[in-house]
Amino acid sequence: MRKVVFVTAPKDFRDEEYYKPKKVLEKEGIEVITASLKVGELEGRFGYKAISTYTIQDIGLNDFDAIAYIGGNGSSIFFDDLNALRLAKSFCKCEKPIASICIAGVILANAGILKGKKATVFSDGKEFLTKGGAIYTGIPLEIDGNIITANGPEVAEDFGRAIVKVLGD
């Protein structure tokens, strides 16, 4: 069974950006594991509850087929988090799919993996992406090789489908 790890803030993640792509992936038989700064209950901006079973320090590159950074205001705690940035770089180096939605795209830019790549982000993050060398497209969903970026909750299901597509069979 393929596994994807969702890196999610302990609080104030965007509910739809978590549960909609998770539902899409699980429907395709892909296991979704949630990781955060802590193990236990996480709370979204609108009260959705998720359970983290890993800390981001415990994510093993060989344990997962892809990584997705979930957006929302809370994701800003990962913008300069050394573990979050290291993970993005490691997945990129191994050519495994890396995804981010909403403002979480800043994590990928800060990790230095968007240089020369087409990418999108919630409008507040545009400057971070261009500073990080990305080709900012501003479209709702962008796929450039193994990197998937989306700009917000409106495309959360499409974001999930894009992860499935990039994972392949």
N, C-alpha and C. Protein backbone atom coordinates (compact mmCIF):
# COMPACT_ATOMS: atom_id res chain seq x y z
N MET A 1 0.84 -1.19 0.00
CA MET A 1 0.00 0.00 0.00
C MET A 1 0.89 1.25 0.00
N ARG A 2 0.54 2.20 -0.85
CA ARG A 2 1.28 3.46 -0.89
C ARG A 2 0.91 4.31 0.32
N LYS A 3 1.88 5.09 0.79
CA LYS A 3 1.66 5.94 1.97
C LYS A 3 2.10 7.37 1.67
N VAL A 4 1.28 8.32 2.11
CA VAL A 4 1.59 9.73 2.00
C VAL A 4 1.53 10.33 3.40
N VAL A 5 2.52 11.14 3.74
CA VAL A 5 2.51 11.82 5.04
C VAL A 5 2.06 13.27 4.84
N PHE A 6 1.08 13.67 5.63
CA PHE A 6 0.59 15.05 5.65
C PHE A 6 1.26 15.78 6.81
N VAL A 7 2.06 16.77 6.53
CA VAL A 7 2.67 17.60 7.57
C VAL A 7 1.68 18.72 7.87
N THR A 8 1.18 18.71 9.11
CA THR A 8 0.05 19.54 9.50
C THR A 8 0.37 20.29 10.79
N ALA A 9 0.03 21.56 10.83
CA ALA A 9 0.25 22.36 12.04
C ALA A 9 -0.62 21.85 13.19
N PRO A 10 -0.16 22.00 14.43
CA PRO A 10 -0.95 21.55 15.58
C PRO A 10 -2.29 22.27 15.71
N LYS A 11 -2.34 23.52 15.23
CA LYS A 11 -3.60 24.27 15.25
C LYS A 11 -3.62 25.24 14.08
N ASP A 12 -4.83 25.63 13.73
CA ASP A 12 -5.07 26.61 12.66
C ASP A 12 -4.62 26.16 11.27
N PHE A 13 -4.59 24.83 11.03
CA PHE A 13 -4.43 24.38 9.64
C PHE A 13 -5.78 24.60 8.97
N ARG A 14 -5.80 24.63 7.65
CA ARG A 14 -7.05 24.84 6.94
C ARG A 14 -7.77 23.50 6.80
N ASP A 15 -8.90 23.37 7.45
CA ASP A 15 -9.64 22.12 7.55
C ASP A 15 -9.81 21.41 6.21
N GLU A 16 -10.34 22.12 5.21
CA GLU A 16 -10.65 21.51 3.91
C GLU A 16 -9.39 21.05 3.19
N GLU A 17 -8.29 21.75 3.43
CA GLU A 17 -7.04 21.39 2.76
C GLU A 17 -6.44 20.12 3.36
N TYR A 18 -6.96 19.73 4.50
CA TYR A 18 -6.55 18.47 5.13
C TYR A 18 -7.51 17.35 4.75
N TYR A 19 -8.80 17.52 5.08
CA TYR A 19 -9.69 16.37 4.94
C TYR A 19 -10.13 16.07 3.51
N LYS A 20 -10.20 17.06 2.63
CA LYS A 20 -10.61 16.76 1.25
C LYS A 20 -9.57 15.95 0.48
N PRO A 21 -8.29 16.37 0.46
CA PRO A 21 -7.32 15.53 -0.25
C PRO A 21 -7.12 14.17 0.44
N LYS A 22 -7.23 14.14 1.77
CA LYS A 22 -7.10 12.88 2.49
C LYS A 22 -8.17 11.89 2.03
N LYS A 23 -9.38 12.37 1.88
CA LYS A 23 -10.49 11.53 1.42
C LYS A 23 -10.22 11.01 -0.01
N VAL A 24 -9.73 11.89 -0.88
CA VAL A 24 -9.42 11.50 -2.25
C VAL A 24 -8.36 10.40 -2.26
N LEU A 25 -7.29 10.59 -1.50
CA LEU A 25 -6.22 9.60 -1.48
C LEU A 25 -6.70 8.27 -0.90
N GLU A 26 -7.42 8.32 0.19
CA GLU A 26 -7.89 7.08 0.81
C GLU A 26 -8.85 6.32 -0.10
N LYS A 27 -9.65 7.05 -0.87
CA LYS A 27 -10.56 6.40 -1.82
C LYS A 27 -9.78 5.62 -2.88
N GLU A 28 -8.56 6.07 -3.15
CA GLU A 28 -7.68 5.41 -4.13
C GLU A 28 -6.81 4.33 -3.48
N GLY A 29 -7.05 4.05 -2.21
CA GLY A 29 -6.30 3.01 -1.52
C GLY A 29 -4.94 3.45 -1.01
N ILE A 30 -4.75 4.74 -0.89
CA ILE A 30 -3.49 5.29 -0.39
C ILE A 30 -3.65 5.62 1.09
N GLU A 31 -2.73 5.15 1.90
CA GLU A 31 -2.78 5.43 3.33
C GLU A 31 -2.22 6.82 3.61
N VAL A 32 -2.94 7.60 4.40
CA VAL A 32 -2.50 8.94 4.77
C VAL A 32 -2.15 8.94 6.25
N ILE A 33 -0.93 9.34 6.56
CA ILE A 33 -0.43 9.44 7.92
C ILE A 33 -0.25 10.94 8.21
N THR A 34 -0.62 11.36 9.40
CA THR A 34 -0.48 12.76 9.77
C THR A 34 0.70 12.94 10.71
N ALA A 35 1.51 13.95 10.43
CA ALA A 35 2.65 14.29 11.27
C ALA A 35 2.57 15.78 11.63
N SER A 36 3.07 16.11 12.79
CA SER A 36 3.06 17.50 13.25
C SER A 36 4.22 17.72 14.21
N LEU A 37 4.16 18.81 14.94
CA LEU A 37 5.19 19.06 15.94
C LEU A 37 4.96 18.22 17.18
N LYS A 38 3.77 17.63 17.27
CA LYS A 38 3.43 16.79 18.41
C LYS A 38 2.60 15.61 17.93
N VAL A 39 2.52 14.59 18.76
CA VAL A 39 1.64 13.46 18.52
C VAL A 39 0.36 13.74 19.29
N GLY A 40 -0.78 13.41 18.67
CA GLY A 40 -2.06 13.63 19.35
C GLY A 40 -3.00 14.48 18.52
N GLU A 41 -3.97 15.08 19.19
CA GLU A 41 -5.02 15.82 18.50
C GLU A 41 -4.54 17.17 17.98
N LEU A 42 -4.92 17.45 16.75
CA LEU A 42 -4.65 18.73 16.10
C LEU A 42 -5.99 19.38 15.82
N GLU A 43 -6.00 20.71 15.76
CA GLU A 43 -7.28 21.39 15.52
C GLU A 43 -7.16 22.40 14.38
N GLY A 44 -8.06 22.24 13.41
CA GLY A 44 -8.09 23.14 12.28
C GLY A 44 -8.71 24.49 12.63
N ARG A 45 -8.58 25.40 11.71
CA ARG A 45 -9.09 26.76 11.89
C ARG A 45 -10.58 26.78 12.22
N PHE A 46 -11.33 25.86 11.61
CA PHE A 46 -12.78 25.84 11.83
C PHE A 46 -13.22 24.70 12.74
N GLY A 47 -12.28 24.14 13.50
CA GLY A 47 -12.63 23.14 14.50
C GLY A 47 -12.48 21.69 14.11
N TYR A 48 -12.09 21.41 12.85
CA TYR A 48 -11.88 20.02 12.44
C TYR A 48 -10.75 19.42 13.27
N LYS A 49 -10.93 18.19 13.71
CA LYS A 49 -9.93 17.50 14.53
C LYS A 49 -9.21 16.44 13.68
N ALA A 50 -7.91 16.44 13.78
CA ALA A 50 -7.09 15.43 13.12
C ALA A 50 -6.18 14.83 14.18
N ILE A 51 -5.69 13.64 13.92
CA ILE A 51 -4.80 12.97 14.86
C ILE A 51 -3.42 12.78 14.21
N SER A 52 -2.42 13.32 14.86
CA SER A 52 -1.04 13.14 14.43
C SER A 52 -0.48 11.91 15.12
N THR A 53 0.09 11.01 14.33
CA THR A 53 0.71 9.81 14.91
C THR A 53 2.23 9.85 14.82
N TYR A 54 2.77 10.88 14.19
CA TYR A 54 4.21 11.07 14.07
C TYR A 54 4.54 12.52 14.41
N THR A 55 5.77 12.73 14.90
CA THR A 55 6.30 14.09 14.91
C THR A 55 7.09 14.21 13.60
N ILE A 56 7.30 15.42 13.15
CA ILE A 56 8.01 15.56 11.87
C ILE A 56 9.45 15.04 11.97
N GLN A 57 10.02 15.06 13.18
CA GLN A 57 11.37 14.53 13.36
C GLN A 57 11.41 13.02 13.13
N ASP A 58 10.26 12.35 13.30
CA ASP A 58 10.21 10.89 13.19
C ASP A 58 9.84 10.39 11.79
N ILE A 59 9.65 11.29 10.84
CA ILE A 59 9.30 10.87 9.49
C ILE A 59 10.52 10.26 8.83
N GLY A 60 10.37 9.01 8.43
CA GLY A 60 11.45 8.33 7.72
C GLY A 60 11.20 8.40 6.23
N LEU A 61 12.17 8.84 5.50
CA LEU A 61 12.05 8.99 4.05
C LEU A 61 11.61 7.69 3.37
N ASN A 62 12.12 6.58 3.86
CA ASN A 62 11.80 5.28 3.24
C ASN A 62 10.43 4.76 3.64
N ASP A 63 9.79 5.41 4.60
CA ASP A 63 8.47 4.96 5.07
C ASP A 63 7.31 5.51 4.24
N PHE A 64 7.59 6.51 3.39
CA PHE A 64 6.51 7.20 2.67
C PHE A 64 6.86 7.36 1.20
N ASP A 65 5.80 7.34 0.39
CA ASP A 65 5.95 7.52 -1.05
C ASP A 65 5.87 8.97 -1.47
N ALA A 66 5.28 9.81 -0.61
CA ALA A 66 5.13 11.24 -0.92
C ALA A 66 4.91 12.00 0.37
N ILE A 67 5.11 13.33 0.30
CA ILE A 67 4.88 14.21 1.44
C ILE A 67 4.03 15.38 0.98
N ALA A 68 3.09 15.80 1.83
CA ALA A 68 2.24 16.95 1.51
C ALA A 68 2.20 17.88 2.72
N TYR A 69 2.44 19.15 2.46
CA TYR A 69 2.38 20.18 3.50
C TYR A 69 1.02 20.86 3.41
N ILE A 70 0.26 20.78 4.50
CA ILE A 70 -1.09 21.32 4.55
C ILE A 70 -1.05 22.79 4.95
N GLY A 71 -1.86 23.60 4.30
CA GLY A 71 -1.84 25.04 4.51
C GLY A 71 -2.71 25.54 5.64
N GLY A 72 -2.97 26.83 5.59
CA GLY A 72 -3.67 27.52 6.66
C GLY A 72 -2.67 28.35 7.45
N ASN A 73 -3.16 29.29 8.24
CA ASN A 73 -2.28 30.18 9.01
C ASN A 73 -1.28 29.42 9.87
N GLY A 74 -1.70 28.30 10.43
CA GLY A 74 -0.82 27.54 11.30
C GLY A 74 0.43 27.01 10.63
N SER A 75 0.38 26.82 9.31
CA SER A 75 1.53 26.24 8.62
C SER A 75 2.76 27.15 8.65
N SER A 76 2.58 28.40 9.02
CA SER A 76 3.72 29.32 9.09
C SER A 76 4.77 28.86 10.11
N ILE A 77 4.37 28.00 11.06
CA ILE A 77 5.36 27.50 12.03
C ILE A 77 6.42 26.61 11.35
N PHE A 78 6.13 26.16 10.15
CA PHE A 78 7.07 25.31 9.42
C PHE A 78 7.93 26.09 8.42
N PHE A 79 7.66 27.38 8.21
CA PHE A 79 8.38 28.15 7.19
C PHE A 79 9.90 28.08 7.37
N ASP A 80 10.35 28.14 8.61
CA ASP A 80 11.78 28.10 8.89
C ASP A 80 12.17 26.91 9.78
N ASP A 81 11.28 25.95 9.90
CA ASP A 81 11.54 24.78 10.73
C ASP A 81 12.54 23.87 10.02
N LEU A 82 13.68 23.64 10.66
CA LEU A 82 14.75 22.88 10.01
C LEU A 82 14.32 21.47 9.62
N ASN A 83 13.50 20.83 10.44
CA ASN A 83 13.02 19.48 10.09
C ASN A 83 12.10 19.50 8.88
N ALA A 84 11.20 20.46 8.82
CA ALA A 84 10.27 20.57 7.69
C ALA A 84 11.04 20.85 6.40
N LEU A 85 12.02 21.72 6.46
CA LEU A 85 12.82 22.06 5.29
C LEU A 85 13.69 20.87 4.86
N ARG A 86 14.29 20.18 5.84
CA ARG A 86 15.12 19.00 5.55
C ARG A 86 14.30 17.92 4.85
N LEU A 87 13.07 17.72 5.34
CA LEU A 87 12.21 16.70 4.72
C LEU A 87 11.92 17.03 3.26
N ALA A 88 11.57 18.29 3.00
CA ALA A 88 11.28 18.69 1.61
C ALA A 88 12.50 18.43 0.72
N LYS A 89 13.67 18.81 1.20
CA LYS A 89 14.90 18.60 0.43
C LYS A 89 15.16 17.11 0.21
N SER A 90 14.95 16.30 1.24
CA SER A 90 15.21 14.87 1.15
C SER A 90 14.26 14.19 0.16
N PHE A 91 12.98 14.51 0.24
CA PHE A 91 12.02 13.92 -0.70
C PHE A 91 12.36 14.35 -2.13
N CYS A 92 12.76 15.60 -2.29
CA CYS A 92 13.13 16.11 -3.62
C CYS A 92 14.35 15.36 -4.16
N LYS A 93 15.36 15.21 -3.32
CA LYS A 93 16.59 14.53 -3.74
C LYS A 93 16.30 13.09 -4.18
N CYS A 94 15.35 12.45 -3.52
CA CYS A 94 14.98 11.06 -3.87
C CYS A 94 13.92 11.00 -4.97
N GLU A 95 13.56 12.16 -5.49
CA GLU A 95 12.57 12.27 -6.57
C GLU A 95 11.21 11.69 -6.19
N LYS A 96 10.85 11.86 -4.91
CA LYS A 96 9.52 11.46 -4.46
C LYS A 96 8.60 12.68 -4.54
N PRO A 97 7.32 12.47 -4.78
CA PRO A 97 6.39 13.60 -4.87
C PRO A 97 6.35 14.44 -3.59
N ILE A 98 6.35 15.76 -3.81
CA ILE A 98 6.27 16.75 -2.73
C ILE A 98 5.12 17.68 -3.10
N ALA A 99 4.22 17.89 -2.14
CA ALA A 99 3.05 18.72 -2.42
C ALA A 99 2.87 19.75 -1.32
N SER A 100 2.31 20.89 -1.70
CA SER A 100 1.95 21.91 -0.72
C SER A 100 0.69 22.61 -1.21
N ILE A 101 -0.12 23.02 -0.25
CA ILE A 101 -1.35 23.72 -0.58
C ILE A 101 -1.43 25.01 0.23
N CYS A 102 -1.96 26.03 -0.41
CA CYS A 102 -2.17 27.34 0.22
C CYS A 102 -0.81 27.97 0.55
N ILE A 103 -0.71 28.57 1.70
CA ILE A 103 0.51 29.29 2.10
C ILE A 103 1.66 28.33 2.40
N ALA A 104 1.39 27.03 2.54
CA ALA A 104 2.44 26.06 2.83
C ALA A 104 3.48 25.98 1.71
N GLY A 105 3.18 26.51 0.54
CA GLY A 105 4.17 26.55 -0.54
C GLY A 105 5.42 27.31 -0.14
N VAL A 106 5.29 28.21 0.83
CA VAL A 106 6.46 28.96 1.32
C VAL A 106 7.50 27.99 1.89
N ILE A 107 7.06 26.90 2.48
CA ILE A 107 7.99 25.90 3.02
C ILE A 107 8.87 25.36 1.90
N LEU A 108 8.26 25.03 0.77
CA LEU A 108 9.02 24.49 -0.36
C LEU A 108 10.00 25.53 -0.91
N ALA A 109 9.54 26.78 -0.98
CA ALA A 109 10.42 27.85 -1.46
C ALA A 109 11.60 28.03 -0.51
N ASN A 110 11.33 28.04 0.79
CA ASN A 110 12.39 28.22 1.78
C ASN A 110 13.35 27.04 1.82
N ALA A 111 12.87 25.87 1.41
CA ALA A 111 13.74 24.68 1.34
C ALA A 111 14.64 24.73 0.10
N GLY A 112 14.36 25.65 -0.81
CA GLY A 112 15.18 25.80 -2.00
C GLY A 112 14.89 24.81 -3.11
N ILE A 113 13.71 24.17 -3.05
CA ILE A 113 13.43 23.13 -4.06
C ILE A 113 12.55 23.64 -5.21
N LEU A 114 12.20 24.92 -5.19
CA LEU A 114 11.35 25.45 -6.26
C LEU A 114 12.12 26.23 -7.32
N LYS A 115 13.44 26.29 -7.20
CA LYS A 115 14.24 27.04 -8.18
C LYS A 115 14.00 26.52 -9.59
N GLY A 116 13.51 27.43 -10.45
CA GLY A 116 13.25 27.07 -11.84
C GLY A 116 12.00 26.24 -12.06
N LYS A 117 11.22 26.02 -11.02
CA LYS A 117 10.00 25.21 -11.11
C LYS A 117 8.77 26.11 -11.18
N LYS A 118 7.78 25.68 -11.95
CA LYS A 118 6.50 26.37 -11.96
C LYS A 118 5.78 26.03 -10.65
N ALA A 119 5.24 27.05 -9.99
CA ALA A 119 4.57 26.81 -8.71
C ALA A 119 3.53 27.89 -8.46
N THR A 120 2.61 27.56 -7.57
CA THR A 120 1.59 28.50 -7.15
C THR A 120 1.47 28.44 -5.63
N VAL A 121 0.78 29.41 -5.08
CA VAL A 121 0.66 29.55 -3.63
C VAL A 121 -0.49 30.51 -3.35
N PHE A 122 -1.00 30.51 -2.13
CA PHE A 122 -1.96 31.54 -1.72
C PHE A 122 -1.29 32.89 -1.97
N SER A 123 -2.07 33.87 -2.38
CA SER A 123 -1.52 35.15 -2.85
C SER A 123 -0.51 35.79 -1.90
N ASP A 124 -0.66 35.61 -0.60
CA ASP A 124 0.28 36.20 0.36
C ASP A 124 1.69 35.62 0.23
N GLY A 125 1.82 34.48 -0.40
CA GLY A 125 3.12 33.82 -0.49
C GLY A 125 3.87 34.04 -1.79
N LYS A 126 3.28 34.79 -2.71
CA LYS A 126 3.89 34.98 -4.03
C LYS A 126 5.34 35.48 -3.93
N GLU A 127 5.56 36.47 -3.09
CA GLU A 127 6.90 37.06 -2.95
C GLU A 127 7.92 36.02 -2.48
N PHE A 128 7.52 35.14 -1.55
CA PHE A 128 8.41 34.09 -1.05
C PHE A 128 8.79 33.12 -2.17
N LEU A 129 7.81 32.77 -3.00
CA LEU A 129 8.09 31.84 -4.09
C LEU A 129 9.06 32.44 -5.09
N THR A 130 8.81 33.67 -5.51
CA THR A 130 9.70 34.29 -6.49
C THR A 130 11.09 34.50 -5.90
N LYS A 131 11.16 34.88 -4.63
CA LYS A 131 12.45 35.03 -3.95
C LYS A 131 13.19 33.69 -3.90
N GLY A 132 12.44 32.60 -3.78
CA GLY A 132 13.02 31.27 -3.75
C GLY A 132 13.34 30.70 -5.12
N GLY A 133 13.14 31.51 -6.17
CA GLY A 133 13.51 31.09 -7.52
C GLY A 133 12.43 30.38 -8.30
N ALA A 134 11.22 30.31 -7.74
CA ALA A 134 10.11 29.66 -8.45
C ALA A 134 9.61 30.53 -9.60
N ILE A 135 9.01 29.88 -10.57
CA ILE A 135 8.28 30.57 -11.63
C ILE A 135 6.83 30.60 -11.17
N TYR A 136 6.43 31.69 -10.56
CA TYR A 136 5.08 31.81 -10.00
C TYR A 136 4.07 31.92 -11.13
N THR A 137 3.09 31.01 -11.15
CA THR A 137 2.10 31.01 -12.23
C THR A 137 0.77 31.65 -11.82
N GLY A 138 0.45 31.60 -10.53
CA GLY A 138 -0.80 32.18 -10.06
C GLY A 138 -2.04 31.36 -10.40
N ILE A 139 -1.87 30.23 -11.05
CA ILE A 139 -3.04 29.40 -11.34
C ILE A 139 -3.39 28.57 -10.11
N PRO A 140 -4.61 28.03 -10.02
CA PRO A 140 -5.02 27.32 -8.80
C PRO A 140 -4.20 26.08 -8.45
N LEU A 141 -3.74 25.33 -9.46
CA LEU A 141 -3.01 24.09 -9.21
C LEU A 141 -1.90 23.98 -10.24
N GLU A 142 -0.71 23.62 -9.76
CA GLU A 142 0.44 23.51 -10.65
C GLU A 142 1.16 22.20 -10.37
N ILE A 143 1.53 21.51 -11.43
CA ILE A 143 2.35 20.30 -11.31
C ILE A 143 3.58 20.52 -12.17
N ASP A 144 4.75 20.44 -11.56
CA ASP A 144 6.01 20.55 -12.29
C ASP A 144 6.88 19.37 -11.85
N GLY A 145 6.90 18.34 -12.67
CA GLY A 145 7.62 17.13 -12.30
C GLY A 145 6.97 16.47 -11.10
N ASN A 146 7.73 16.27 -10.04
CA ASN A 146 7.22 15.66 -8.82
C ASN A 146 6.73 16.67 -7.80
N ILE A 147 6.68 17.95 -8.18
CA ILE A 147 6.26 18.99 -7.24
C ILE A 147 4.86 19.47 -7.60
N ILE A 148 3.98 19.39 -6.60
CA ILE A 148 2.58 19.79 -6.76
C ILE A 148 2.32 20.95 -5.82
N THR A 149 1.80 22.06 -6.36
CA THR A 149 1.43 23.19 -5.51
C THR A 149 0.01 23.62 -5.86
N ALA A 150 -0.71 24.05 -4.83
CA ALA A 150 -2.08 24.53 -5.01
C ALA A 150 -2.25 25.80 -4.18
N ASN A 151 -3.21 26.64 -4.59
CA ASN A 151 -3.30 27.95 -3.95
C ASN A 151 -4.35 28.09 -2.86
N GLY A 152 -5.15 27.07 -2.58
CA GLY A 152 -6.10 27.24 -1.49
C GLY A 152 -7.18 26.19 -1.42
N PRO A 153 -8.10 26.36 -0.49
CA PRO A 153 -9.11 25.33 -0.21
C PRO A 153 -10.04 25.02 -1.37
N GLU A 154 -10.23 25.95 -2.28
CA GLU A 154 -11.14 25.73 -3.40
C GLU A 154 -10.68 24.59 -4.29
N VAL A 155 -9.39 24.30 -4.29
CA VAL A 155 -8.85 23.24 -5.15
C VAL A 155 -8.34 22.04 -4.34
N ALA A 156 -8.82 21.90 -3.12
CA ALA A 156 -8.33 20.84 -2.23
C ALA A 156 -8.55 19.44 -2.81
N GLU A 157 -9.71 19.19 -3.42
CA GLU A 157 -9.94 17.87 -4.02
C GLU A 157 -9.05 17.67 -5.24
N ASP A 158 -8.90 18.69 -6.07
CA ASP A 158 -8.00 18.60 -7.23
C ASP A 158 -6.56 18.36 -6.78
N PHE A 159 -6.19 18.99 -5.68
CA PHE A 159 -4.87 18.79 -5.08
C PHE A 159 -4.67 17.31 -4.73
N GLY A 160 -5.67 16.72 -4.11
CA GLY A 160 -5.61 15.29 -3.80
C GLY A 160 -5.48 14.44 -5.05
N ARG A 161 -6.26 14.76 -6.07
CA ARG A 161 -6.19 14.01 -7.34
C ARG A 161 -4.81 14.16 -8.00
N ALA A 162 -4.22 15.35 -7.86
CA ALA A 162 -2.89 15.58 -8.44
C ALA A 162 -1.83 14.72 -7.74
N ILE A 163 -1.95 14.57 -6.43
CA ILE A 163 -1.02 13.71 -5.70
C ILE A 163 -1.15 12.27 -6.20
N VAL A 164 -2.39 11.81 -6.36
CA VAL A 164 -2.63 10.46 -6.88
C VAL A 164 -1.99 10.31 -8.26
N LYS A 165 -2.19 11.31 -9.11
CA LYS A 165 -1.65 11.26 -10.48
C LYS A 165 -0.13 11.18 -10.48
N VAL A 166 0.51 12.01 -9.68
CA VAL A 166 1.98 12.04 -9.66
C VAL A 166 2.54 10.77 -9.03
N LEU A 167 1.82 10.21 -8.06
CA LEU A 167 2.26 8.93 -7.48
C LEU A 167 2.23 7.80 -8.49
N GLY A 168 1.30 7.87 -9.42
CA GLY A 168 1.18 6.84 -10.45
C GLY A 168 0.75 5.51 -9.87
N ASP A 169 0.98 4.46 -10.62
CA ASP A 169 0.57 3.12 -10.17
C ASP A 169 1.67 2.36 -9.47
